[in-house]
């Protein structure tokens, strides 16, 4: 299934989610530059992006 085949609101929500995830990962990498991005940090980043997307109305 391609993202292009999804309804516009769903596609836009997914695009916003990934955009936010990329920004949060960049923030995490800057904040945690002294240590590698491990699985726990990655899981926390995903949780923050999901919360942000949910709060924004998806």
Protein backbone atom coordinates (compact mmCIF):
# COMPACT_ATOMS: atom_id res chain seq x y z
CA UNK A 1 0.00 0.00 0.00
CA UNK A 2 1.36 3.38 -0.99
CA UNK A 3 0.89 6.46 1.17
CA UNK A 4 -0.44 8.19 -1.96
CA UNK A 5 -3.46 5.88 -1.98
CA UNK A 6 -4.58 7.00 1.49
CA UNK A 7 -7.20 9.70 2.07
CA UNK A 8 -5.70 13.20 2.23
CA UNK A 9 -6.30 13.74 5.99
CA UNK A 10 -4.64 10.41 6.82
CA UNK A 11 -1.72 11.05 4.47
CA UNK A 12 -1.22 14.54 5.93
CA UNK A 13 -1.31 13.17 9.48
CA UNK A 14 1.34 10.59 8.60
CA UNK A 15 3.51 13.24 6.96
CA UNK A 16 3.19 15.50 10.04
CA UNK A 17 4.06 12.57 12.30
CA UNK A 18 7.23 11.74 10.34
CA UNK A 19 8.22 15.39 10.13
CA UNK A 20 7.85 15.75 13.89
CA UNK A 21 9.74 12.50 14.44
CA UNK A 22 12.65 13.78 12.35
CA UNK A 23 12.78 17.02 14.34
CA UNK A 24 12.64 15.18 17.67
CA UNK A 25 15.38 12.77 16.59
CA UNK A 26 17.55 15.74 15.64
CA UNK A 27 16.86 17.35 19.02
CA UNK A 28 17.69 14.08 20.77
CA UNK A 29 20.92 13.69 18.80
CA UNK A 30 22.01 17.20 19.74
CA UNK A 31 21.05 16.75 23.40
CA UNK A 32 22.61 13.31 23.61
CA UNK A 33 25.66 13.88 21.46
CA UNK A 34 27.88 12.55 24.22
CA UNK A 35 26.30 9.11 23.90
CA UNK A 36 24.84 7.03 21.07
CA UNK A 37 21.13 6.97 20.22
CA UNK A 38 20.18 3.68 21.84
CA UNK A 39 16.93 1.70 21.73
CA UNK A 40 15.56 3.36 24.88
CA UNK A 41 16.19 6.84 23.52
CA UNK A 42 14.66 5.88 20.18
CA UNK A 43 11.55 4.49 21.93
CA UNK A 44 11.24 7.72 23.90
CA UNK A 45 11.51 9.75 20.71
CA UNK A 46 8.75 7.70 19.08
CA UNK A 47 6.54 8.17 22.14
CA UNK A 48 7.10 11.95 22.06
CA UNK A 49 6.29 12.12 18.35
CA UNK A 50 3.13 10.06 18.85
CA UNK A 51 2.00 12.30 21.70
CA UNK A 52 2.72 15.42 19.64
CA UNK A 53 0.79 14.05 16.67
CA UNK A 54 -2.13 13.04 18.88
CA UNK A 55 -2.18 16.43 20.59
CA UNK A 56 -2.08 18.18 17.21
CA UNK A 57 -5.24 16.34 16.18
CA UNK A 58 -3.34 13.89 14.00
